[in-house]
N, C-alpha and C. Protein backbone atom coordinates (compact mmCIF):
# COMPACT_ATOMS: atom_id res chain seq x y z
N MET A 1 -8.41 -2.85 9.68
CA MET A 1 -6.97 -2.98 9.72
C MET A 1 -6.44 -3.24 8.31
N ILE A 2 -5.21 -2.92 8.11
CA ILE A 2 -4.50 -3.18 6.86
C ILE A 2 -3.46 -4.25 7.14
N ASP A 3 -3.25 -5.17 6.21
CA ASP A 3 -2.31 -6.25 6.43
C ASP A 3 -1.27 -6.30 5.31
N LEU A 4 -0.13 -6.87 5.61
CA LEU A 4 0.93 -7.11 4.64
C LEU A 4 1.21 -8.60 4.61
N THR A 5 1.37 -9.16 3.42
CA THR A 5 1.77 -10.55 3.32
C THR A 5 3.25 -10.66 3.67
N ASP A 6 3.70 -11.88 3.94
CA ASP A 6 5.12 -12.09 4.22
C ASP A 6 5.97 -11.65 3.04
N SER A 7 5.50 -11.89 1.84
CA SER A 7 6.23 -11.47 0.64
C SER A 7 6.40 -9.95 0.59
N ALA A 8 5.34 -9.22 0.93
CA ALA A 8 5.40 -7.75 0.95
C ALA A 8 6.34 -7.27 2.05
N VAL A 9 6.25 -7.88 3.22
CA VAL A 9 7.13 -7.50 4.34
C VAL A 9 8.59 -7.68 3.94
N ASN A 10 8.91 -8.83 3.36
CA ASN A 10 10.29 -9.10 2.97
C ASN A 10 10.79 -8.11 1.94
N LYS A 11 9.97 -7.77 0.96
CA LYS A 11 10.39 -6.83 -0.08
C LYS A 11 10.55 -5.43 0.50
N ILE A 12 9.64 -5.00 1.35
CA ILE A 12 9.74 -3.67 1.96
C ILE A 12 11.01 -3.57 2.81
N LYS A 13 11.28 -4.59 3.61
CA LYS A 13 12.50 -4.59 4.44
C LYS A 13 13.73 -4.51 3.55
N GLU A 14 13.72 -5.24 2.44
CA GLU A 14 14.84 -5.22 1.50
C GLU A 14 15.05 -3.82 0.91
N VAL A 15 13.95 -3.18 0.52
CA VAL A 15 14.02 -1.85 -0.09
C VAL A 15 14.46 -0.79 0.93
N LEU A 16 13.98 -0.89 2.15
CA LEU A 16 14.30 0.10 3.19
C LEU A 16 15.71 -0.07 3.76
N LYS A 17 16.28 -1.26 3.60
CA LYS A 17 17.53 -1.63 4.27
C LYS A 17 18.66 -0.61 4.11
N ASP A 18 18.90 -0.13 2.94
CA ASP A 18 20.04 0.76 2.69
C ASP A 18 19.62 2.22 2.54
N THR A 19 18.54 2.61 3.21
CA THR A 19 18.06 3.99 3.12
C THR A 19 17.91 4.57 4.52
N GLU A 20 17.62 5.85 4.57
CA GLU A 20 17.32 6.52 5.84
C GLU A 20 15.83 6.44 6.17
N ASN A 21 15.06 5.84 5.30
CA ASN A 21 13.62 5.75 5.51
C ASN A 21 13.30 4.74 6.59
N THR A 22 12.23 5.02 7.34
CA THR A 22 11.87 4.14 8.45
C THR A 22 10.57 3.39 8.21
N GLY A 23 9.85 3.74 7.14
CA GLY A 23 8.58 3.09 6.87
C GLY A 23 8.10 3.34 5.46
N VAL A 24 6.88 2.87 5.22
CA VAL A 24 6.26 2.98 3.90
C VAL A 24 4.90 3.63 4.05
N ARG A 25 4.60 4.56 3.16
CA ARG A 25 3.30 5.22 3.14
C ARG A 25 2.39 4.51 2.14
N ALA A 26 1.23 4.07 2.60
CA ALA A 26 0.20 3.52 1.73
C ALA A 26 -0.88 4.58 1.62
N ALA A 27 -1.23 4.91 0.39
CA ALA A 27 -2.22 5.97 0.18
C ALA A 27 -3.04 5.71 -1.07
N ILE A 28 -4.12 6.44 -1.17
CA ILE A 28 -4.89 6.46 -2.40
C ILE A 28 -4.91 7.89 -2.90
N GLN A 29 -5.05 8.03 -4.20
CA GLN A 29 -5.18 9.36 -4.79
C GLN A 29 -6.16 9.28 -5.93
N GLY A 30 -6.76 10.39 -6.25
CA GLY A 30 -7.70 10.44 -7.35
C GLY A 30 -6.99 10.22 -8.66
N GLY A 31 -7.65 9.50 -9.57
CA GLY A 31 -7.07 9.30 -10.89
C GLY A 31 -7.30 7.89 -11.39
N GLY A 32 -6.81 7.63 -12.56
CA GLY A 32 -6.97 6.31 -13.16
C GLY A 32 -8.32 6.15 -13.81
N CYS A 33 -8.51 5.04 -14.48
CA CYS A 33 -9.75 4.76 -15.22
C CYS A 33 -10.97 4.63 -14.32
N SER A 34 -10.76 4.11 -13.09
CA SER A 34 -11.88 3.81 -12.21
C SER A 34 -12.08 4.80 -11.08
N GLY A 35 -11.25 5.83 -10.99
CA GLY A 35 -11.47 6.87 -9.99
C GLY A 35 -10.37 7.08 -8.99
N PHE A 36 -9.74 6.00 -8.51
CA PHE A 36 -8.68 6.10 -7.52
C PHE A 36 -7.51 5.21 -7.91
N THR A 37 -6.31 5.59 -7.48
CA THR A 37 -5.13 4.74 -7.66
C THR A 37 -4.44 4.57 -6.32
N TYR A 38 -3.71 3.47 -6.21
CA TYR A 38 -2.94 3.19 -5.01
C TYR A 38 -1.56 3.80 -5.13
N LYS A 39 -0.99 4.17 -4.00
CA LYS A 39 0.35 4.74 -3.98
C LYS A 39 1.10 4.16 -2.79
N LEU A 40 2.33 3.73 -3.02
CA LEU A 40 3.17 3.18 -1.97
C LEU A 40 4.54 3.85 -2.10
N THR A 41 4.96 4.60 -1.06
CA THR A 41 6.23 5.32 -1.11
C THR A 41 6.99 5.12 0.19
N MET A 42 8.32 5.20 0.10
CA MET A 42 9.16 5.13 1.29
C MET A 42 9.16 6.50 1.96
N GLU A 43 9.17 6.50 3.28
CA GLU A 43 9.13 7.75 4.04
C GLU A 43 10.10 7.69 5.21
N LYS A 44 10.65 8.84 5.57
CA LYS A 44 11.53 8.92 6.74
C LYS A 44 10.74 8.87 8.04
N GLU A 45 9.58 9.55 8.04
CA GLU A 45 8.77 9.58 9.26
C GLU A 45 7.32 9.86 8.89
N PRO A 46 6.40 9.51 9.79
CA PRO A 46 4.99 9.77 9.50
C PRO A 46 4.66 11.25 9.63
N ASP A 47 3.59 11.66 8.98
CA ASP A 47 3.04 12.99 9.19
C ASP A 47 2.34 12.99 10.55
N PRO A 48 2.16 14.16 11.17
CA PRO A 48 1.56 14.21 12.51
C PRO A 48 0.19 13.54 12.64
N ASP A 49 -0.64 13.59 11.61
CA ASP A 49 -1.98 13.02 11.70
C ASP A 49 -2.09 11.60 11.15
N ASP A 50 -0.98 10.99 10.76
CA ASP A 50 -1.01 9.63 10.19
C ASP A 50 -1.35 8.58 11.23
N LYS A 51 -1.98 7.52 10.75
CA LYS A 51 -2.08 6.29 11.53
C LYS A 51 -0.77 5.56 11.26
N VAL A 52 -0.14 5.06 12.29
CA VAL A 52 1.09 4.27 12.12
C VAL A 52 0.75 2.85 12.54
N ILE A 53 0.89 1.95 11.59
CA ILE A 53 0.57 0.55 11.83
C ILE A 53 1.86 -0.25 11.68
N GLU A 54 2.24 -0.99 12.71
CA GLU A 54 3.43 -1.82 12.61
C GLU A 54 3.01 -3.26 12.36
N ILE A 55 3.49 -3.81 11.25
CA ILE A 55 3.14 -5.17 10.85
C ILE A 55 4.42 -5.95 10.61
N LYS A 56 4.67 -6.94 11.44
CA LYS A 56 5.83 -7.83 11.27
C LYS A 56 7.13 -7.05 11.13
N GLY A 57 7.26 -5.98 11.90
CA GLY A 57 8.48 -5.19 11.89
C GLY A 57 8.54 -4.10 10.83
N VAL A 58 7.47 -3.91 10.08
CA VAL A 58 7.41 -2.86 9.06
C VAL A 58 6.42 -1.79 9.52
N LYS A 59 6.84 -0.53 9.45
CA LYS A 59 5.95 0.57 9.80
C LYS A 59 5.24 1.05 8.53
N LEU A 60 3.91 1.08 8.63
CA LEU A 60 3.07 1.54 7.54
C LEU A 60 2.42 2.84 7.97
N PHE A 61 2.62 3.91 7.19
CA PHE A 61 2.03 5.22 7.49
C PHE A 61 0.85 5.42 6.56
N VAL A 62 -0.30 5.80 7.14
CA VAL A 62 -1.51 5.97 6.34
C VAL A 62 -2.23 7.23 6.81
N ASP A 63 -2.53 8.14 5.87
CA ASP A 63 -3.31 9.33 6.25
C ASP A 63 -4.75 8.90 6.51
N LYS A 64 -5.48 9.73 7.25
CA LYS A 64 -6.83 9.37 7.69
C LYS A 64 -7.79 9.10 6.54
N LYS A 65 -7.74 9.90 5.49
CA LYS A 65 -8.64 9.71 4.35
C LYS A 65 -8.35 8.39 3.65
N SER A 66 -7.08 8.13 3.38
CA SER A 66 -6.71 6.87 2.71
C SER A 66 -7.09 5.67 3.56
N TYR A 67 -6.92 5.80 4.87
CA TYR A 67 -7.22 4.69 5.76
C TYR A 67 -8.67 4.22 5.60
N LEU A 68 -9.59 5.16 5.45
CA LEU A 68 -11.00 4.79 5.29
C LEU A 68 -11.22 3.91 4.06
N PHE A 69 -10.48 4.17 2.99
CA PHE A 69 -10.61 3.38 1.77
C PHE A 69 -9.81 2.08 1.82
N LEU A 70 -8.82 2.01 2.71
CA LEU A 70 -7.93 0.85 2.76
C LEU A 70 -8.24 -0.13 3.88
N ILE A 71 -9.23 0.15 4.72
CA ILE A 71 -9.59 -0.78 5.79
C ILE A 71 -9.89 -2.14 5.18
N GLY A 72 -9.26 -3.17 5.72
CA GLY A 72 -9.48 -4.53 5.24
C GLY A 72 -8.57 -4.94 4.08
N THR A 73 -7.75 -4.03 3.61
CA THR A 73 -6.88 -4.30 2.46
C THR A 73 -5.66 -5.10 2.87
N THR A 74 -5.25 -6.00 2.01
CA THR A 74 -3.99 -6.73 2.17
C THR A 74 -3.07 -6.28 1.04
N ILE A 75 -1.84 -5.94 1.40
CA ILE A 75 -0.85 -5.55 0.40
C ILE A 75 0.11 -6.73 0.23
N ASP A 76 0.26 -7.16 -1.02
CA ASP A 76 1.09 -8.31 -1.35
C ASP A 76 2.20 -7.85 -2.29
N PHE A 77 3.27 -8.62 -2.38
CA PHE A 77 4.29 -8.40 -3.40
C PHE A 77 4.31 -9.63 -4.27
N VAL A 78 4.08 -9.43 -5.56
CA VAL A 78 4.05 -10.55 -6.49
C VAL A 78 5.22 -10.45 -7.47
N SER A 79 5.77 -11.58 -7.78
CA SER A 79 6.85 -11.67 -8.76
C SER A 79 6.53 -12.85 -9.67
N GLU A 80 5.81 -12.53 -10.74
CA GLU A 80 5.38 -13.56 -11.68
C GLU A 80 5.92 -13.22 -13.06
N MET A 81 5.71 -14.10 -13.99
CA MET A 81 6.22 -13.92 -15.33
C MET A 81 5.78 -12.60 -15.97
N MET A 82 4.53 -12.24 -15.82
CA MET A 82 3.98 -11.05 -16.47
C MET A 82 3.78 -9.87 -15.53
N GLN A 83 4.07 -10.05 -14.25
CA GLN A 83 3.81 -8.98 -13.29
C GLN A 83 4.80 -9.05 -12.13
N MET A 84 5.31 -7.89 -11.75
CA MET A 84 6.17 -7.81 -10.58
C MET A 84 5.89 -6.49 -9.88
N GLY A 85 5.56 -6.55 -8.61
CA GLY A 85 5.30 -5.34 -7.86
C GLY A 85 4.33 -5.58 -6.74
N PHE A 86 3.95 -4.49 -6.09
CA PHE A 86 3.02 -4.56 -4.98
C PHE A 86 1.59 -4.58 -5.50
N LYS A 87 0.78 -5.40 -4.88
CA LYS A 87 -0.61 -5.58 -5.28
C LYS A 87 -1.50 -5.32 -4.07
N PHE A 88 -2.49 -4.46 -4.26
CA PHE A 88 -3.45 -4.15 -3.20
C PHE A 88 -4.68 -5.02 -3.40
N ILE A 89 -5.02 -5.81 -2.40
CA ILE A 89 -6.22 -6.65 -2.44
C ILE A 89 -7.22 -5.98 -1.52
N ASN A 90 -8.14 -5.23 -2.12
CA ASN A 90 -9.03 -4.34 -1.38
C ASN A 90 -10.47 -4.83 -1.48
N PRO A 91 -11.04 -5.34 -0.38
CA PRO A 91 -12.42 -5.81 -0.42
C PRO A 91 -13.45 -4.69 -0.60
N ASN A 92 -13.02 -3.43 -0.42
CA ASN A 92 -13.92 -2.29 -0.57
C ASN A 92 -14.07 -1.85 -2.03
N ALA A 93 -13.17 -2.29 -2.89
CA ALA A 93 -13.21 -1.87 -4.30
C ALA A 93 -14.39 -2.55 -5.00
N LYS A 94 -15.27 -1.76 -5.56
CA LYS A 94 -16.45 -2.28 -6.25
C LYS A 94 -16.16 -2.55 -7.73
N ARG A 95 -15.14 -1.85 -8.26
CA ARG A 95 -14.75 -2.08 -9.64
C ARG A 95 -13.28 -1.74 -9.79
N THR A 96 -12.64 -2.37 -10.74
CA THR A 96 -11.25 -2.08 -11.05
C THR A 96 -11.13 -1.93 -12.56
N CYS A 97 -10.07 -1.26 -12.99
CA CYS A 97 -9.87 -1.11 -14.42
C CYS A 97 -9.21 -2.38 -14.96
N GLY A 98 -9.15 -2.49 -16.26
CA GLY A 98 -8.58 -3.68 -16.90
C GLY A 98 -7.14 -3.93 -16.54
N CYS A 99 -6.36 -2.89 -16.33
CA CYS A 99 -4.94 -3.07 -16.00
C CYS A 99 -4.72 -3.31 -14.51
N GLY A 100 -5.75 -3.11 -13.69
CA GLY A 100 -5.64 -3.36 -12.26
C GLY A 100 -4.97 -2.24 -11.48
N GLU A 101 -4.70 -1.12 -12.14
CA GLU A 101 -3.99 -0.02 -11.49
C GLU A 101 -4.90 0.96 -10.76
N SER A 102 -6.19 0.92 -11.05
CA SER A 102 -7.10 1.84 -10.37
C SER A 102 -8.36 1.10 -9.94
N PHE A 103 -9.12 1.76 -9.03
CA PHE A 103 -10.32 1.12 -8.50
C PHE A 103 -11.38 2.17 -8.22
N GLY A 104 -12.59 1.71 -8.03
CA GLY A 104 -13.70 2.58 -7.66
C GLY A 104 -14.43 2.00 -6.47
N ILE A 105 -15.03 2.89 -5.68
CA ILE A 105 -15.77 2.46 -4.48
C ILE A 105 -17.25 2.67 -4.73
């Protein structure tokens, strides 16, 4: 399963509030220093083959391939002095790059 922290839920609801989008897509794509990068985008509706996970009133759309890499992941929203944005806490990642933007399995 994939989880969202309360901070992430609140930020996603805030971002979606004034749009026609109904959920957020969590995905991985090839690239970055360590092999894969995370991607989070607003979406109007899921693709036909997506897993749709509803967490605390937020719909998360995940394609089947990304889901395999994201099982057990928690998505957080951090707002700190040096960092602001969504953070993927992925227990499957065996290595990450220095900037934290990419990971390897």
